[in-house]
Amino acid sequence: MACVAEFGIIDEFEEDKEYLDYEPRKYNCVAINDDILNDWWNDLTLIKTYFHCYNRPSFALARWGITLIPPESLEAFYEIVSKDRRSRSLKEMINLMTLLRKAILENKYVIHYGV
């Protein structure tokens, strides 16, 4: 079975909370094959994120942990996903783009669970 990366929308983001628990159902996560992230890695390193909590700013995704993607980084992340030729045919990619569009429209943080 392939490893997956999961993404969900945080409805009520808390700056002082440490997001340490694996809760994909809470955030209605969608999953993509983690190997896809390898193809995006150079572009992902330019996106501002936070690892586990707001007090740990970083870039890209915590491949084996939890990443918080702020609203201001979502448009760039969406562009990376939509440029991928598989984004029009793979259900998992379409689900991720739909999730990102919703988060952008609602100005929400996205949570990422690495493998």
PDB file of N, CA and C in Angstrom:
ATOM      1  N   MET A   1       0.840  -1.186   0.000  1.00  0.00           N
ATOM      2  CA  MET A   1       0.000   0.000   0.000  1.00  0.00           C
ATOM      3  C   MET A   1       0.884   1.249   0.000  1.00  0.00           C
ATOM      4  N   ALA A   2       0.542   2.197  -0.813  1.00  0.00           N
ATOM      5  CA  ALA A   2       1.318   3.424  -0.930  1.00  0.00           C
ATOM      6  C   ALA A   2       1.101   4.316   0.291  1.00  0.00           C
ATOM      7  N   CYS A   3       2.108   5.082   0.624  1.00  0.00           N
ATOM      8  CA  CYS A   3       1.983   6.062   1.705  1.00  0.00           C
ATOM      9  C   CYS A   3       1.198   7.253   1.182  1.00  0.00           C
ATOM     10  N   VAL A   4       0.433   7.866   2.064  1.00  0.00           N
ATOM     11  CA  VAL A   4      -0.365   9.014   1.654  1.00  0.00           C
ATOM     12  C   VAL A   4      -0.038  10.236   2.487  1.00  0.00           C
ATOM     13  N   ALA A   5      -0.239  11.385   1.865  1.00  0.00           N
ATOM     14  CA  ALA A   5      -0.210  12.683   2.543  1.00  0.00           C
ATOM     15  C   ALA A   5      -1.663  13.124   2.603  1.00  0.00           C
ATOM     16  N   GLU A   6      -2.079  13.654   3.742  1.00  0.00           N
ATOM     17  CA  GLU A   6      -3.470  14.050   3.913  1.00  0.00           C
ATOM     18  C   GLU A   6      -3.565  15.547   4.162  1.00  0.00           C
ATOM     19  N   PHE A   7      -4.629  16.150   3.622  1.00  0.00           N
ATOM     20  CA  PHE A   7      -4.847  17.584   3.739  1.00  0.00           C
ATOM     21  C   PHE A   7      -6.285  17.847   4.166  1.00  0.00           C
ATOM     22  N   GLY A   8      -6.450  18.780   5.108  1.00  0.00           N
ATOM     23  CA  GLY A   8      -7.785  19.148   5.561  1.00  0.00           C
ATOM     24  C   GLY A   8      -7.849  20.629   5.897  1.00  0.00           C
ATOM     25  N   ILE A   9      -9.049  21.126   6.082  1.00  0.00           N
ATOM     26  CA  ILE A   9      -9.271  22.538   6.405  1.00  0.00           C
ATOM     27  C   ILE A   9      -9.509  22.684   7.900  1.00  0.00           C
ATOM     28  N   ILE A  10      -8.800  23.617   8.511  1.00  0.00           N
ATOM     29  CA  ILE A  10      -9.001  23.927   9.924  1.00  0.00           C
ATOM     30  C   ILE A  10     -10.048  25.031   9.996  1.00  0.00           C
ATOM     31  N   ASP A  11     -11.215  24.708  10.536  1.00  0.00           N
ATOM     32  CA  ASP A  11     -12.292  25.700  10.601  1.00  0.00           C
ATOM     33  C   ASP A  11     -11.987  26.835  11.576  1.00  0.00           C
ATOM     34  N   GLU A  12     -11.431  26.506  12.724  1.00  0.00           N
ATOM     35  CA  GLU A  12     -11.114  27.519  13.740  1.00  0.00           C
ATOM     36  C   GLU A  12      -9.645  27.394  14.115  1.00  0.00           C
ATOM     37  N   PHE A  13      -8.791  28.104  13.397  1.00  0.00           N
ATOM     38  CA  PHE A  13      -7.357  28.028  13.672  1.00  0.00           C
ATOM     39  C   PHE A  13      -7.022  28.751  14.978  1.00  0.00           C
ATOM     40  N   GLU A  14      -6.200  28.107  15.804  1.00  0.00           N
ATOM     41  CA  GLU A  14      -5.773  28.682  17.077  1.00  0.00           C
ATOM     42  C   GLU A  14      -4.261  28.882  17.046  1.00  0.00           C
ATOM     43  N   GLU A  15      -3.811  30.136  17.129  1.00  0.00           N
ATOM     44  CA  GLU A  15      -2.381  30.433  17.067  1.00  0.00           C
ATOM     45  C   GLU A  15      -1.598  29.834  18.228  1.00  0.00           C
ATOM     46  N   ASP A  16      -2.218  29.667  19.382  1.00  0.00           N
ATOM     47  CA  ASP A  16      -1.493  29.170  20.552  1.00  0.00           C
ATOM     48  C   ASP A  16      -1.597  27.651  20.724  1.00  0.00           C
ATOM     49  N   LYS A  17      -2.243  26.961  19.803  1.00  0.00           N
ATOM     50  CA  LYS A  17      -2.418  25.510  19.898  1.00  0.00           C
ATOM     51  C   LYS A  17      -1.287  24.787  19.193  1.00  0.00           C
ATOM     52  N   GLU A  18      -0.862  23.667  19.785  1.00  0.00           N
ATOM     53  CA  GLU A  18       0.075  22.778  19.118  1.00  0.00           C
ATOM     54  C   GLU A  18      -0.741  21.677  18.454  1.00  0.00           C
ATOM     55  N   TYR A  19      -0.651  21.590  17.162  1.00  0.00           N
ATOM     56  CA  TYR A  19      -1.377  20.589  16.398  1.00  0.00           C
ATOM     57  C   TYR A  19      -0.506  19.341  16.308  1.00  0.00           C
ATOM     58  N   LEU A  20      -0.617  18.495  17.321  1.00  0.00           N
ATOM     59  CA  LEU A  20       0.253  17.323  17.412  1.00  0.00           C
ATOM     60  C   LEU A  20      -0.473  16.006  17.182  1.00  0.00           C
ATOM     61  N   ASP A  21      -1.791  16.019  17.245  1.00  0.00           N
ATOM     62  CA  ASP A  21      -2.558  14.784  17.122  1.00  0.00           C
ATOM     63  C   ASP A  21      -2.962  14.520  15.675  1.00  0.00           C
ATOM     64  N   TYR A  22      -2.970  13.262  15.341  1.00  0.00           N
ATOM     65  CA  TYR A  22      -3.393  12.818  14.012  1.00  0.00           C
ATOM     66  C   TYR A  22      -4.918  12.733  14.023  1.00  0.00           C
ATOM     67  N   GLU A  23      -5.574  13.693  13.346  1.00  0.00           N
ATOM     68  CA  GLU A  23      -7.028  13.791  13.358  1.00  0.00           C
ATOM     69  C   GLU A  23      -7.600  14.044  11.957  1.00  0.00           C
ATOM     70  N   PRO A  24      -7.363  13.153  11.010  1.00  0.00           N
ATOM     71  CA  PRO A  24      -7.815  13.400   9.636  1.00  0.00           C
ATOM     72  C   PRO A  24      -9.335  13.495   9.503  1.00  0.00           C
ATOM     73  N   ARG A  25     -10.072  12.781  10.322  1.00  0.00           N
ATOM     74  CA  ARG A  25     -11.540  12.852  10.235  1.00  0.00           C
ATOM     75  C   ARG A  25     -12.066  14.196  10.718  1.00  0.00           C
ATOM     76  N   LYS A  26     -11.424  14.728  11.747  1.00  0.00           N
ATOM     77  CA  LYS A  26     -11.840  16.027  12.287  1.00  0.00           C
ATOM     78  C   LYS A  26     -11.782  17.112  11.211  1.00  0.00           C
ATOM     79  N   TYR A  27     -10.790  17.038  10.346  1.00  0.00           N
ATOM     80  CA  TYR A  27     -10.577  18.066   9.329  1.00  0.00           C
ATOM     81  C   TYR A  27     -11.040  17.628   7.939  1.00  0.00           C
ATOM     82  N   ASN A  28     -11.767  16.520   7.867  1.00  0.00           N
ATOM     83  CA  ASN A  28     -12.279  16.011   6.581  1.00  0.00           C
ATOM     84  C   ASN A  28     -11.183  15.946   5.525  1.00  0.00           C
ATOM     85  N   CYS A  29     -10.098  15.298   5.886  1.00  0.00           N
ATOM     86  CA  CYS A  29      -8.928  15.260   5.014  1.00  0.00           C
ATOM     87  C   CYS A  29      -9.155  14.482   3.729  1.00  0.00           C
ATOM     88  N   VAL A  30      -8.461  14.945   2.699  1.00  0.00           N
ATOM     89  CA  VAL A  30      -8.345  14.209   1.450  1.00  0.00           C
ATOM     90  C   VAL A  30      -6.901  13.713   1.379  1.00  0.00           C
ATOM     91  N   ALA A  31      -6.729  12.557   0.768  1.00  0.00           N
ATOM     92  CA  ALA A  31      -5.402  11.938   0.705  1.00  0.00           C
ATOM     93  C   ALA A  31      -4.898  11.898  -0.727  1.00  0.00           C
ATOM     94  N   ILE A  32      -3.592  12.086  -0.855  1.00  0.00           N
ATOM     95  CA  ILE A  32      -2.929  11.891  -2.147  1.00  0.00           C
ATOM     96  C   ILE A  32      -1.724  10.994  -1.906  1.00  0.00           C
ATOM     97  N   ASN A  33      -1.285  10.335  -2.934  1.00  0.00           N
ATOM     98  CA  ASN A  33      -0.091   9.512  -2.838  1.00  0.00           C
ATOM     99  C   ASN A  33       1.090  10.420  -2.483  1.00  0.00           C
ATOM    100  N   ASP A  34       1.806  10.065  -1.442  1.00  0.00           N
ATOM    101  CA  ASP A  34       2.921  10.899  -0.975  1.00  0.00           C
ATOM    102  C   ASP A  34       4.008  11.063  -2.032  1.00  0.00           C
ATOM    103  N   ASP A  35       4.159  10.103  -2.909  1.00  0.00           N
ATOM    104  CA  ASP A  35       5.192  10.188  -3.952  1.00  0.00           C
ATOM    105  C   ASP A  35       4.987  11.392  -4.867  1.00  0.00           C
ATOM    106  N   ILE A  36       3.757  11.836  -5.017  1.00  0.00           N
ATOM    107  CA  ILE A  36       3.468  13.007  -5.853  1.00  0.00           C
ATOM    108  C   ILE A  36       4.209  14.239  -5.340  1.00  0.00           C
ATOM    109  N   LEU A  37       4.346  14.332  -4.012  1.00  0.00           N
ATOM    110  CA  LEU A  37       5.020  15.500  -3.426  1.00  0.00           C
ATOM    111  C   LEU A  37       6.464  15.627  -3.899  1.00  0.00           C
ATOM    112  N   ASN A  38       7.089  14.510  -4.220  1.00  0.00           N
ATOM    113  CA  ASN A  38       8.474  14.556  -4.723  1.00  0.00           C
ATOM    114  C   ASN A  38       8.570  15.405  -5.980  1.00  0.00           C
ATOM    115  N   ASP A  39       7.567  15.315  -6.830  1.00  0.00           N
ATOM    116  CA  ASP A  39       7.572  16.068  -8.088  1.00  0.00           C
ATOM    117  C   ASP A  39       7.388  17.571  -7.866  1.00  0.00           C
ATOM    118  N   TRP A  40       6.823  17.931  -6.741  1.00  0.00           N
ATOM    119  CA  TRP A  40       6.535  19.337  -6.434  1.00  0.00           C
ATOM    120  C   TRP A  40       7.559  19.964  -5.495  1.00  0.00           C
ATOM    121  N   TRP A  41       8.495  19.179  -5.002  1.00  0.00           N
ATOM    122  CA  TRP A  41       9.295  19.619  -3.860  1.00  0.00           C
ATOM    123  C   TRP A  41      10.009  20.949  -4.061  1.00  0.00           C
ATOM    124  N   ASN A  42      10.629  21.165  -5.199  1.00  0.00           N
ATOM    125  CA  ASN A  42      11.352  22.429  -5.410  1.00  0.00           C
ATOM    126  C   ASN A  42      10.430  23.631  -5.287  1.00  0.00           C
ATOM    127  N   ASP A  43       9.227  23.528  -5.814  1.00  0.00           N
ATOM    128  CA  ASP A  43       8.260  24.621  -5.701  1.00  0.00           C
ATOM    129  C   ASP A  43       7.721  24.753  -4.278  1.00  0.00           C
ATOM    130  N   LEU A  44       7.518  23.626  -3.614  1.00  0.00           N
ATOM    131  CA  LEU A  44       6.984  23.665  -2.244  1.00  0.00           C
ATOM    132  C   LEU A  44       7.936  24.362  -1.269  1.00  0.00           C
ATOM    133  N   THR A  45       9.234  24.291  -1.539  1.00  0.00           N
ATOM    134  CA  THR A  45      10.202  24.906  -0.615  1.00  0.00           C
ATOM    135  C   THR A  45      10.086  26.430  -0.583  1.00  0.00           C
ATOM    136  N   LEU A  46       9.330  27.009  -1.490  1.00  0.00           N
ATOM    137  CA  LEU A  46       9.140  28.461  -1.530  1.00  0.00           C
ATOM    138  C   LEU A  46       7.878  28.912  -0.793  1.00  0.00           C
ATOM    139  N   ILE A  47       7.095  27.949  -0.310  1.00  0.00           N
ATOM    140  CA  ILE A  47       5.822  28.273   0.336  1.00  0.00           C
ATOM    141  C   ILE A  47       5.991  28.341   1.851  1.00  0.00           C
ATOM    142  N   LYS A  48       5.559  29.451   2.428  1.00  0.00           N
ATOM    143  CA  LYS A  48       5.648  29.653   3.871  1.00  0.00           C
ATOM    144  C   LYS A  48       4.632  28.750   4.576  1.00  0.00           C
ATOM    145  N   THR A  49       5.110  28.023   5.582  1.00  0.00           N
ATOM    146  CA  THR A  49       4.268  27.134   6.361  1.00  0.00           C
ATOM    147  C   THR A  49       4.690  27.199   7.832  1.00  0.00           C
ATOM    148  N   TYR A  50       4.039  26.382   8.626  1.00  0.00           N
ATOM    149  CA  TYR A  50       4.385  26.240  10.046  1.00  0.00           C
ATOM    150  C   TYR A  50       4.396  24.754  10.364  1.00  0.00           C
ATOM    151  N   PHE A  51       5.379  24.320  11.154  1.00  0.00           N
ATOM    152  CA  PHE A  51       5.454  22.912  11.533  1.00  0.00           C
ATOM    153  C   PHE A  51       4.859  22.732  12.913  1.00  0.00           C
ATOM    154  N   HIS A  52       3.730  22.072  12.988  1.00  0.00           N
ATOM    155  CA  HIS A  52       3.026  21.684  14.219  1.00  0.00           C
ATOM    156  C   HIS A  52       2.343  22.818  14.967  1.00  0.00           C
ATOM    157  N   CYS A  53       2.899  24.023  14.925  1.00  0.00           N
ATOM    158  CA  CYS A  53       2.287  25.144  15.642  1.00  0.00           C
ATOM    159  C   CYS A  53       2.725  26.470  15.011  1.00  0.00           C
ATOM    160  N   TYR A  54       2.004  27.503  15.345  1.00  0.00           N
ATOM    161  CA  TYR A  54       2.240  28.828  14.769  1.00  0.00           C
ATOM    162  C   TYR A  54       3.621  29.383  15.144  1.00  0.00           C
ATOM    163  N   ASN A  55       4.207  28.888  16.218  1.00  0.00           N
ATOM    164  CA  ASN A  55       5.508  29.370  16.682  1.00  0.00           C
ATOM    165  C   ASN A  55       6.687  28.685  15.990  1.00  0.00           C
ATOM    166  N   ARG A  56       6.418  27.852  14.993  1.00  0.00           N
ATOM    167  CA  ARG A  56       7.492  27.157  14.271  1.00  0.00           C
ATOM    168  C   ARG A  56       7.391  27.437  12.774  1.00  0.00           C
ATOM    169  N   PRO A  57       7.673  28.680  12.364  1.00  0.00           N
ATOM    170  CA  PRO A  57       7.600  28.998  10.933  1.00  0.00           C
ATOM    171  C   PRO A  57       8.640  28.204  10.141  1.00  0.00           C
ATOM    172  N   SER A  58       8.263  27.857   8.927  1.00  0.00           N
ATOM    173  CA  SER A  58       9.154  27.097   8.063  1.00  0.00           C
ATOM    174  C   SER A  58       8.735  27.312   6.612  1.00  0.00           C
ATOM    175  N   PHE A  59       9.179  26.419   5.762  1.00  0.00           N
ATOM    176  CA  PHE A  59       8.803  26.402   4.350  1.00  0.00           C
ATOM    177  C   PHE A  59       8.564  24.949   3.960  1.00  0.00           C
ATOM    178  N   ALA A  60       7.751  24.742   2.943  1.00  0.00           N
ATOM    179  CA  ALA A  60       7.419  23.405   2.415  1.00  0.00           C
ATOM    180  C   ALA A  60       6.568  22.632   3.415  1.00  0.00           C
ATOM    181  N   LEU A  61       6.651  21.303   3.341  1.00  0.00           N
ATOM    182  CA  LEU A  61       5.822  20.450   4.181  1.00  0.00           C
ATOM    183  C   LEU A  61       6.690  19.578   5.074  1.00  0.00           C
ATOM    184  N   ALA A  62       6.206  19.296   6.265  1.00  0.00           N
ATOM    185  CA  ALA A  62       6.865  18.337   7.148  1.00  0.00           C
ATOM    186  C   ALA A  62       6.471  16.952   6.624  1.00  0.00           C
ATOM    187  N   ARG A  63       7.354  16.314   5.908  1.00  0.00           N
ATOM    188  CA  ARG A  63       7.003  15.059   5.236  1.00  0.00           C
ATOM    189  C   ARG A  63       6.603  13.960   6.217  1.00  0.00           C
ATOM    190  N   TRP A  64       7.133  13.980   7.431  1.00  0.00           N
ATOM    191  CA  TRP A  64       6.814  12.950   8.412  1.00  0.00           C
ATOM    192  C   TRP A  64       6.197  13.566   9.657  1.00  0.00           C
ATOM    193  N   GLY A  65       5.497  14.653   9.472  1.00  0.00           N
ATOM    194  CA  GLY A  65       4.876  15.329  10.609  1.00  0.00           C
ATOM    195  C   GLY A  65       3.658  16.109  10.175  1.00  0.00           C
ATOM    196  N   ILE A  66       3.355  17.146  10.934  1.00  0.00           N
ATOM    197  CA  ILE A  66       2.163  17.955  10.691  1.00  0.00           C
ATOM    198  C   ILE A  66       2.582  19.354  10.258  1.00  0.00           C
ATOM    199  N   THR A  67       1.971  19.817   9.180  1.00  0.00           N
ATOM    200  CA  THR A  67       2.244  21.146   8.650  1.00  0.00           C
ATOM    201  C   THR A  67       0.962  21.963   8.657  1.00  0.00           C
ATOM    202  N   LEU A  68       1.095  23.233   8.997  1.00  0.00           N
ATOM    203  CA  LEU A  68      -0.011  24.183   8.918  1.00  0.00           C
ATOM    204  C   LEU A  68       0.301  25.118   7.756  1.00  0.00           C
ATOM    205  N   ILE A  69      -0.630  25.178   6.812  1.00  0.00           N
ATOM    206  CA  ILE A  69      -0.429  26.022   5.626  1.00  0.00           C
ATOM    207  C   ILE A  69      -1.355  27.223   5.770  1.00  0.00           C
ATOM    208  N   PRO A  70      -0.776  28.431   5.917  1.00  0.00           N
ATOM    209  CA  PRO A  70      -1.605  29.617   6.140  1.00  0.00           C
ATOM    210  C   PRO A  70      -2.340  30.057   4.873  1.00  0.00           C
ATOM    211  N   PRO A  71      -3.418  30.798   5.049  1.00  0.00           N
ATOM    212  CA  PRO A  71      -4.200  31.264   3.897  1.00  0.00           C
ATOM    213  C   PRO A  71      -3.363  31.971   2.832  1.00  0.00           C
ATOM    214  N   GLU A  72      -2.374  32.752   3.247  1.00  0.00           N
ATOM    215  CA  GLU A  72      -1.583  33.502   2.273  1.00  0.00           C
ATOM    216  C   GLU A  72      -0.691  32.611   1.398  1.00  0.00           C
ATOM    217  N   SER A  73      -0.516  31.352   1.769  1.00  0.00           N
ATOM    218  CA  SER A  73       0.293  30.423   0.982  1.00  0.00           C
ATOM    219  C   SER A  73      -0.543  29.502   0.093  1.00  0.00           C
ATOM    220  N   LEU A  74      -1.842  29.524   0.266  1.00  0.00           N
ATOM    221  CA  LEU A  74      -2.692  28.555  -0.423  1.00  0.00           C
ATOM    222  C   LEU A  74      -2.783  28.768  -1.935  1.00  0.00           C
ATOM    223  N   GLU A  75      -2.789  29.993  -2.374  1.00  0.00           N
ATOM    224  CA  GLU A  75      -2.870  30.250  -3.817  1.00  0.00           C
ATOM    225  C   GLU A  75      -1.641  29.674  -4.523  1.00  0.00           C
ATOM    226  N   ALA A  76      -0.464  29.870  -3.930  1.00  0.00           N
ATOM    227  CA  ALA A  76       0.762  29.323  -4.521  1.00  0.00           C
ATOM    228  C   ALA A  76       0.738  27.799  -4.510  1.00  0.00           C
ATOM    229  N   PHE A  77       0.239  27.218  -3.437  1.00  0.00           N
ATOM    230  CA  PHE A  77       0.129  25.764  -3.366  1.00  0.00           C
ATOM    231  C   PHE A  77      -0.862  25.249  -4.417  1.00  0.00           C
ATOM    232  N   TYR A  78      -1.967  25.923  -4.558  1.00  0.00           N
ATOM    233  CA  TYR A  78      -2.955  25.540  -5.572  1.00  0.00           C
ATOM    234  C   TYR A  78      -2.326  25.569  -6.970  1.00  0.00           C
ATOM    235  N   GLU A  79      -1.532  26.580  -7.246  1.00  0.00           N
ATOM    236  CA  GLU A  79      -0.875  26.693  -8.555  1.00  0.00           C
ATOM    237  C   GLU A  79       0.054  25.509  -8.819  1.00  0.00           C
ATOM    238  N   ILE A  80       0.769  25.074  -7.784  1.00  0.00           N
ATOM    239  CA  ILE A  80       1.661  23.920  -7.928  1.00  0.00           C
ATOM    240  C   ILE A  80       0.853  22.684  -8.300  1.00  0.00           C
ATOM    241  N   VAL A  81      -0.233  22.471  -7.583  1.00  0.00           N
ATOM    242  CA  VAL A  81      -1.075  21.298  -7.828  1.00  0.00           C
ATOM    243  C   VAL A  81      -1.706  21.370  -9.222  1.00  0.00           C
ATOM    244  N   SER A  82      -2.246  22.517  -9.573  1.00  0.00           N
ATOM    245  CA  SER A  82      -2.969  22.632 -10.844  1.00  0.00           C
ATOM    246  C   SER A  82      -2.046  22.540 -12.062  1.00  0.00           C
ATOM    247  N   LYS A  83      -0.765  22.857 -11.900  1.00  0.00           N
ATOM    248  CA  LYS A  83       0.195  22.745 -13.012  1.00  0.00           C
ATOM    249  C   LYS A  83       0.565  21.295 -13.316  1.00  0.00           C
ATOM    250  N   ASP A  84       0.345  20.422 -12.357  1.00  0.00           N
ATOM    251  CA  ASP A  84       0.672  19.009 -12.530  1.00  0.00           C
ATOM    252  C   ASP A  84      -0.281  18.400 -13.565  1.00  0.00           C
ATOM    253  N   ARG A  85       0.248  17.722 -14.546  1.00  0.00           N
ATOM    254  CA  ARG A  85      -0.573  17.159 -15.627  1.00  0.00           C
ATOM    255  C   ARG A  85      -1.594  16.148 -15.112  1.00  0.00           C
ATOM    256  N   ARG A  86      -1.356  15.557 -13.956  1.00  0.00           N
ATOM    257  CA  ARG A  86      -2.287  14.578 -13.386  1.00  0.00           C
ATOM    258  C   ARG A  86      -3.476  15.224 -12.696  1.00  0.00           C
ATOM    259  N   SER A  87      -3.432  16.549 -12.528  1.00  0.00           N
ATOM    260  CA  SER A  87      -4.467  17.238 -11.750  1.00  0.00           C
ATOM    261  C   SER A  87      -5.846  17.204 -12.393  1.00  0.00           C
ATOM    262  N   ARG A  88      -5.928  16.889 -13.661  1.00  0.00           N
ATOM    263  CA  ARG A  88      -7.225  16.832 -14.342  1.00  0.00           C
ATOM    264  C   ARG A  88      -7.785  15.419 -14.429  1.00  0.00           C
ATOM    265  N   SER A  89      -6.954  14.430 -14.110  1.00  0.00           N
ATOM    266  CA  SER A  89      -7.413  13.054 -14.282  1.00  0.00           C
ATOM    267  C   SER A  89      -7.452  12.229 -12.997  1.00  0.00           C
ATOM    268  N   LEU A  90      -6.578  12.501 -12.063  1.00  0.00           N
ATOM    269  CA  LEU A  90      -6.563  11.730 -10.817  1.00  0.00           C
ATOM    270  C   LEU A  90      -7.576  12.292  -9.818  1.00  0.00           C
ATOM    271  N   LYS A  91      -8.458  11.438  -9.363  1.00  0.00           N
ATOM    272  CA  LYS A  91      -9.500  11.850  -8.409  1.00  0.00           C
ATOM    273  C   LYS A  91      -8.883  12.493  -7.167  1.00  0.00           C
ATOM    274  N   GLU A  92      -7.799  11.926  -6.663  1.00  0.00           N
ATOM    275  CA  GLU A  92      -7.174  12.466  -5.460  1.00  0.00           C
ATOM    276  C   GLU A  92      -6.660  13.895  -5.679  1.00  0.00           C
ATOM    277  N   MET A  93      -6.160  14.183  -6.858  1.00  0.00           N
ATOM    278  CA  MET A  93      -5.664  15.528  -7.171  1.00  0.00           C
ATOM    279  C   MET A  93      -6.826  16.506  -7.312  1.00  0.00           C
ATOM    280  N   ILE A  94      -7.907  16.059  -7.949  1.00  0.00           N
ATOM    281  CA  ILE A  94      -9.095  16.899  -8.085  1.00  0.00           C
ATOM    282  C   ILE A  94      -9.663  17.222  -6.703  1.00  0.00           C
ATOM    283  N   ASN A  95      -9.684  16.218  -5.815  1.00  0.00           N
ATOM    284  CA  ASN A  95     -10.164  16.446  -4.446  1.00  0.00           C
ATOM    285  C   ASN A  95      -9.290  17.457  -3.706  1.00  0.00           C
ATOM    286  N   LEU A  96      -7.984  17.363  -3.897  1.00  0.00           N
ATOM    287  CA  LEU A  96      -7.079  18.314  -3.247  1.00  0.00           C
ATOM    288  C   LEU A  96      -7.297  19.728  -3.784  1.00  0.00           C
ATOM    289  N   MET A  97      -7.443  19.874  -5.081  1.00  0.00           N
ATOM    290  CA  MET A  97      -7.673  21.206  -5.648  1.00  0.00           C
ATOM    291  C   MET A  97      -8.998  21.786  -5.156  1.00  0.00           C
ATOM    292  N   THR A  98     -10.011  20.956  -5.040  1.00  0.00           N
ATOM    293  CA  THR A  98     -11.309  21.406  -4.521  1.00  0.00           C
ATOM    294  C   THR A  98     -11.173  21.881  -3.083  1.00  0.00           C
ATOM    295  N   LEU A  99     -10.451  21.111  -2.273  1.00  0.00           N
ATOM    296  CA  LEU A  99     -10.220  21.483  -0.877  1.00  0.00           C
ATOM    297  C   LEU A  99      -9.473  22.817  -0.789  1.00  0.00           C
ATOM    298  N   LEU A 100      -8.427  22.969  -1.588  1.00  0.00           N
ATOM    299  CA  LEU A 100      -7.641  24.204  -1.556  1.00  0.00           C
ATOM    300  C   LEU A 100      -8.474  25.407  -1.991  1.00  0.00           C
ATOM    301  N   ARG A 101      -9.292  25.247  -3.021  1.00  0.00           N
ATOM    302  CA  ARG A 101     -10.153  26.349  -3.474  1.00  0.00           C
ATOM    303  C   ARG A 101     -11.108  26.768  -2.362  1.00  0.00           C
ATOM    304  N   LYS A 102     -11.681  25.786  -1.661  1.00  0.00           N
ATOM    305  CA  LYS A 102     -12.601  26.074  -0.561  1.00  0.00           C
ATOM    306  C   LYS A 102     -11.877  26.828   0.552  1.00  0.00           C
ATOM    307  N   ALA A 103     -10.680  26.378   0.909  1.00  0.00           N
ATOM    308  CA  ALA A 103      -9.903  27.041   1.961  1.00  0.00           C
ATOM    309  C   ALA A 103      -9.530  28.462   1.555  1.00  0.00           C
ATOM    310  N   ILE A 104      -9.195  28.667   0.291  1.00  0.00           N
ATOM    311  CA  ILE A 104      -8.852  30.001  -0.203  1.00  0.00           C
ATOM    312  C   ILE A 104     -10.065  30.924  -0.092  1.00  0.00           C
ATOM    313  N   LEU A 105     -11.198  30.439  -0.551  1.00  0.00           N
ATOM    314  CA  LEU A 105     -12.426  31.254  -0.514  1.00  0.00           C
ATOM    315  C   LEU A 105     -12.850  31.601   0.912  1.00  0.00           C
ATOM    316  N   GLU A 106     -12.596  30.687   1.837  1.00  0.00           N
ATOM    317  CA  GLU A 106     -13.004  30.898   3.229  1.00  0.00           C
ATOM    318  C   GLU A 106     -11.889  31.472   4.098  1.00  0.00           C
ATOM    319  N   ASN A 107     -10.709  31.702   3.504  1.00  0.00           N
ATOM    320  CA  ASN A 107      -9.560  32.258   4.217  1.00  0.00           C
ATOM    321  C   ASN A 107      -9.193  31.408   5.435  1.00  0.00           C
ATOM    322  N   LYS A 108      -9.062  30.105   5.214  1.00  0.00           N
ATOM    323  CA  LYS A 108      -8.788  29.133   6.283  1.00  0.00           C
ATOM    324  C   LYS A 108      -7.392  28.551   6.148  1.00  0.00           C
ATOM    325  N   TYR A 109      -6.870  28.084   7.267  1.00  0.00           N
ATOM    326  CA  TYR A 109      -5.628  27.319   7.269  1.00  0.00           C
ATOM    327  C   TYR A 109      -5.904  25.898   6.795  1.00  0.00           C
ATOM    328  N   VAL A 110      -4.898  25.282   6.163  1.00  0.00           N
ATOM    329  CA  VAL A 110      -4.977  23.897   5.781  1.00  0.00           C
ATOM    330  C   VAL A 110      -3.955  23.129   6.623  1.00  0.00           C
ATOM    331  N   ILE A 111      -4.371  21.961   7.095  1.00  0.00           N
ATOM    332  CA  ILE A 111      -3.468  21.095   7.847  1.00  0.00           C
ATOM    333  C   ILE A 111      -3.013  19.969   6.935  1.00  0.00           C
ATOM    334  N   HIS A 112      -1.746  19.605   7.056  1.00  0.00           N
ATOM    335  CA  HIS A 112      -1.168  18.511   6.268  1.00  0.00           C
ATOM    336  C   HIS A 112      -0.596  17.488   7.235  1.00  0.00           C
ATOM    337  N   TYR A 113      -0.972  16.242   7.017  1.00  0.00           N
ATOM    338  CA  TYR A 113      -0.382  15.135   7.778  1.00  0.00           C
ATOM    339  C   TYR A 113       0.538  14.382   6.839  1.00  0.00           C
ATOM    340  N   GLY A 114       1.817  14.348   7.194  1.00  0.00           N
ATOM    341  CA  GLY A 114       2.782  13.600   6.411  1.00  0.00           C
ATOM    342  C   GLY A 114       2.690  12.120   6.724  1.00  0.00           C
ATOM    343  N   VAL A 115       3.497  11.330   6.029  1.00  0.00           N
ATOM    344  CA  VAL A 115       3.428   9.867   6.181  1.00  0.00           C
ATOM    345  C   VAL A 115       3.899   9.417   7.540  1.00  0.00           C
TER     346      VAL A 115
END
